[in-house]
Protein backbone atom coordinates (compact mmCIF):
# COMPACT_ATOMS: atom_id res chain seq x y z
CA THR A 1 51.94 -42.28 155.51
CA THR A 2 52.51 -41.68 159.19
CA GLU A 3 56.08 -42.39 160.23
CA VAL A 4 56.65 -43.99 163.62
CA SER A 5 60.27 -43.20 164.35
CA GLY A 6 60.49 -43.64 168.10
CA ALA A 7 58.61 -45.05 171.07
CA THR A 8 57.54 -41.74 172.59
CA GLU A 9 54.48 -41.31 174.78
CA GLY A 10 51.27 -40.38 173.01
CA THR A 11 52.12 -42.26 169.85
CA GLU A 12 50.30 -40.76 166.89
CA ALA A 13 47.49 -42.95 165.58
CA VAL A 14 48.11 -44.55 162.22
CA ALA A 15 45.54 -45.68 159.69
CA GLN A 16 45.32 -49.27 158.54
CA LYS A 17 47.68 -50.08 155.67
CA GLU A 18 49.56 -46.84 156.43
CA ILE A 19 51.60 -47.81 159.46
CA ALA A 20 55.28 -47.23 158.68
CA VAL A 21 57.75 -48.05 161.43
CA ASP A 22 61.38 -46.90 161.30
CA PHE A 23 63.02 -49.94 162.87
CA ALA A 24 66.51 -48.55 162.35
CA ALA A 25 65.63 -45.58 164.56
CA LEU A 26 63.91 -47.78 167.12
CA ARG A 27 66.84 -50.17 167.34
CA GLU A 28 69.24 -47.29 167.84
CA GLN A 29 67.26 -46.63 171.01
CA ASN A 30 66.85 -50.29 171.96
CA GLU A 31 68.05 -53.26 169.91
CA ASP A 32 65.48 -55.53 171.61
CA CYS A 33 62.63 -53.99 169.59
CA ILE A 34 61.38 -56.67 167.18
CA GLY A 35 58.06 -55.28 165.98
CA TRP A 36 55.17 -52.89 166.44
CA ILE A 37 51.57 -53.81 167.31
CA TYR A 38 48.67 -51.62 166.25
CA PHE A 39 44.91 -51.66 166.79
CA GLU A 40 42.72 -48.90 165.42
CA ASP A 41 40.11 -49.59 168.12
CA PRO A 42 40.95 -50.23 170.92
CA ASP A 43 43.66 -47.56 170.95
CA ILE A 44 46.78 -49.73 171.05
CA SER A 45 50.04 -48.77 169.34
CA TYR A 46 53.32 -49.92 170.90
CA PRO A 47 56.74 -51.33 170.11
CA ILE A 48 57.10 -55.06 170.74
CA MET A 49 60.16 -56.17 172.67
CA GLN A 50 61.92 -59.47 173.37
CA GLY A 51 64.15 -59.89 176.38
CA ALA A 52 66.60 -62.56 177.43
CA ASP A 53 63.83 -63.90 179.67
CA ASN A 54 60.19 -63.06 180.32
CA ASN A 55 60.98 -60.85 183.30
CA GLU A 56 63.21 -58.35 181.49
CA TYR A 57 60.40 -56.18 180.06
CA LEU A 58 57.70 -57.07 182.58
CA ARG A 59 58.38 -53.85 184.51
CA THR A 60 60.77 -52.12 182.12
CA THR A 61 59.87 -49.75 179.30
CA PHE A 62 61.21 -49.53 175.76
CA LEU A 63 63.54 -46.78 177.03
CA ARG A 64 64.77 -49.16 179.78
CA GLU A 65 63.05 -47.22 182.55
CA ALA A 66 61.51 -49.00 185.54
CA ARG A 67 57.73 -48.66 185.23
CA THR A 68 54.81 -50.77 186.47
CA ALA A 69 53.31 -50.81 182.97
CA GLY A 70 56.45 -52.42 181.51
CA SER A 71 56.40 -53.15 177.77
CA ILE A 72 54.60 -55.27 175.23
CA PHE A 73 56.91 -58.26 174.64
CA ILE A 74 56.98 -61.69 173.04
CA ASP A 75 58.00 -64.85 174.86
CA SER A 76 61.76 -65.22 175.16
CA ALA A 77 61.44 -68.70 173.60
CA ASN A 78 59.75 -67.39 170.45
CA SER A 79 61.48 -66.57 167.16
CA ARG A 80 61.90 -62.82 166.64
CA ASP A 81 60.27 -62.93 163.20
CA PHE A 82 56.91 -64.45 164.29
CA SER A 83 57.65 -67.62 162.31
CA ASP A 84 56.64 -70.05 165.09
CA ASP A 85 53.29 -71.85 164.99
CA ASN A 86 52.24 -69.68 167.94
CA THR A 87 53.86 -66.43 169.08
CA LEU A 88 52.96 -65.32 172.61
CA VAL A 89 52.66 -61.55 173.11
CA TYR A 90 52.37 -60.31 176.70
CA GLY A 91 51.14 -56.98 178.07
CA HIS A 92 49.81 -55.69 181.38
CA ASN A 93 46.11 -55.13 181.99
CA MET A 94 46.55 -51.53 183.15
CA LYS A 95 43.62 -49.86 184.92
CA ASP A 96 44.12 -46.67 182.90
CA GLY A 97 43.62 -48.62 179.67
CA THR A 98 47.21 -48.43 178.48
CA MET A 99 49.26 -51.41 177.28
CA PHE A 100 46.76 -54.34 177.02
CA GLY A 101 44.28 -52.73 179.44
CA GLN A 102 41.64 -52.35 176.73
CA LEU A 103 41.69 -55.95 175.54
CA LYS A 104 39.00 -56.78 178.11
CA ASN A 105 36.56 -55.17 175.65
CA TYR A 106 36.88 -58.35 173.57
CA GLU A 107 35.02 -60.32 176.22
CA LYS A 108 31.92 -58.80 174.58
CA GLU A 109 31.09 -60.31 171.21
CA GLU A 110 29.59 -57.02 170.00
CA PHE A 111 32.96 -55.28 170.39
CA TYR A 112 34.75 -58.10 168.61
CA ARG A 113 32.42 -57.89 165.60
CA LYS A 114 33.42 -54.26 165.09
CA ASN A 115 37.15 -54.80 165.67
CA PRO A 116 38.24 -58.28 164.57
CA GLN A 117 41.71 -57.35 163.27
CA PHE A 118 45.02 -55.89 164.35
CA LEU A 119 48.39 -55.29 162.68
CA ILE A 120 51.94 -56.27 163.52
CA GLU A 121 54.81 -54.77 161.59
CA THR A 122 58.31 -56.25 161.67
CA PRO A 123 61.41 -55.50 159.62
CA GLN A 124 60.21 -58.30 157.29
CA GLY A 125 56.84 -56.68 156.54
CA LEU A 126 53.30 -55.92 157.67
CA SER A 127 50.98 -58.68 158.89
CA TYR A 128 47.22 -58.52 159.35
CA TYR A 129 45.88 -60.77 162.08
CA THR A 130 42.23 -61.79 162.49
CA ILE A 131 41.12 -62.81 165.98
CA TYR A 132 39.47 -66.23 165.95
CA ALA A 133 38.95 -66.90 169.67
CA CYS A 134 38.66 -64.99 172.94
CA CYS A 135 39.23 -67.04 176.08
CA VAL A 136 39.47 -66.45 179.81
CA SER A 137 41.54 -69.36 181.10
CA ASP A 138 43.05 -70.57 184.36
CA VAL A 139 46.60 -70.95 183.12
CA GLY A 140 47.48 -72.97 186.21
CA THR A 141 45.25 -75.83 185.09
CA GLN A 142 44.69 -75.32 181.35
CA GLU A 143 47.07 -77.34 179.20
CA ASN A 144 48.67 -76.02 176.00
CA VAL A 145 48.00 -72.35 176.81
CA PHE A 146 51.63 -71.40 176.27
CA SER A 147 52.51 -73.88 173.52
CA ILE A 148 54.76 -72.35 170.86
CA SER A 149 55.36 -75.17 168.40
CA PHE A 150 53.71 -78.48 167.53
CA SER A 151 55.10 -81.78 166.29
CA ASP A 152 53.00 -81.78 163.12
CA ALA A 153 50.07 -80.09 161.35
CA GLU A 154 47.57 -82.50 162.88
CA GLN A 155 48.60 -81.62 166.44
CA TYR A 156 48.48 -77.90 165.61
CA ALA A 157 45.02 -78.25 164.01
CA ASP A 158 43.81 -80.04 167.15
CA TYR A 159 45.16 -77.17 169.26
CA GLN A 160 43.30 -74.63 167.11
CA LYS A 161 40.11 -76.67 167.47
CA GLN A 162 40.46 -76.77 171.27
CA VAL A 163 41.04 -73.01 171.36
CA LYS A 164 37.87 -72.34 169.36
CA GLU A 165 35.87 -74.62 171.66
CA ARG A 166 37.06 -72.64 174.71
CA SER A 167 36.18 -69.27 173.17
CA LEU A 168 33.63 -67.08 174.96
CA TYR A 169 31.74 -66.86 171.65
CA ASP A 170 31.95 -68.32 168.15
CA THR A 171 33.77 -65.84 165.92
CA GLY A 172 32.92 -67.84 162.81
CA VAL A 173 36.54 -67.52 161.65
CA GLU A 174 37.81 -70.72 160.03
CA VAL A 175 41.49 -71.45 160.65
CA THR A 176 44.00 -73.94 159.27
CA PRO A 177 47.38 -75.18 160.52
CA GLU A 178 48.99 -73.40 157.56
CA GLN A 179 48.24 -70.10 159.32
CA LYS A 180 50.53 -68.78 162.04
CA THR A 181 48.93 -67.84 165.36
CA VAL A 182 49.64 -64.84 167.58
CA THR A 183 48.24 -65.08 171.12
CA LEU A 184 47.82 -61.85 173.07
CA VAL A 185 48.07 -62.52 176.82
CA THR A 186 47.06 -60.26 179.71
CA CYS A 187 45.84 -60.60 183.30
CA ASN A 188 42.13 -60.88 184.06
CA GLN A 189 39.93 -59.93 186.98
CA ALA A 190 38.60 -63.49 187.21
CA GLY A 191 41.54 -64.44 189.44
CA GLU A 192 45.29 -64.44 189.98
CA ASN A 193 45.93 -67.41 187.69
CA TYR A 194 43.46 -66.31 185.02
CA ARG A 195 44.47 -64.72 181.74
CA LEU A 196 42.55 -63.14 178.92
CA LEU A 197 43.80 -64.76 175.72
CA LEU A 198 43.11 -63.44 172.25
CA TYR A 199 44.06 -65.92 169.53
CA ALA A 200 44.58 -64.55 166.03
CA VAL A 201 45.79 -65.95 162.71
CA GLN A 202 47.76 -64.18 160.02
CA THR A 203 45.39 -63.44 157.15
CA GLU A 204 47.54 -61.14 155.04
CA PHE A 205 51.25 -60.33 154.75
CA ILE A 206 52.74 -57.38 152.89
CA PRO A 207 56.53 -57.73 152.52
CA ALA A 208 58.68 -54.75 153.45
CA GLU A 209 60.08 -52.67 150.60
CA ASN A 210 63.84 -52.88 150.52
């Protein structure tokens, strides 16, 4: 098992089901670290932060250094344990492909078919997420893009249905309101107000060993 003990540059790649994050070590460096996100392809492996507001880690790294790339972070209104109906995870679309710069590959259905899953580890355990929709949306006009919770299962199911209808292609993934959503959000070349949104549902959870 590959141990991930700190958020250093050039993070060593970890195989699926073998990611092991030392959150005690990470939180000694920065107590705002609430998880770790990992894709095998594209090459994405970063700590997930949560600030007091959504500007704190926009241009600030895990090590609290000022950098354009900033950090991967969840919405300040979300629960730290990913227990909300929808957890929003933000990252910059960097030209060099770092942070969420490679997510644009998902605009092509062929790439999605080869790489439909990603992992998020938290102190509570390891979650597998399966992407069920890929959207490019004008967040200035599109309603519900940044919704976190819903009044009931019916409203949440309707939201999931709308998301699938907006997807660039049909993933064929069936979703239910019993499944938690994680939405990955990054900028898009379509325009200033446009965002690439990858919607994924939790399909497996492996509790952490105490």
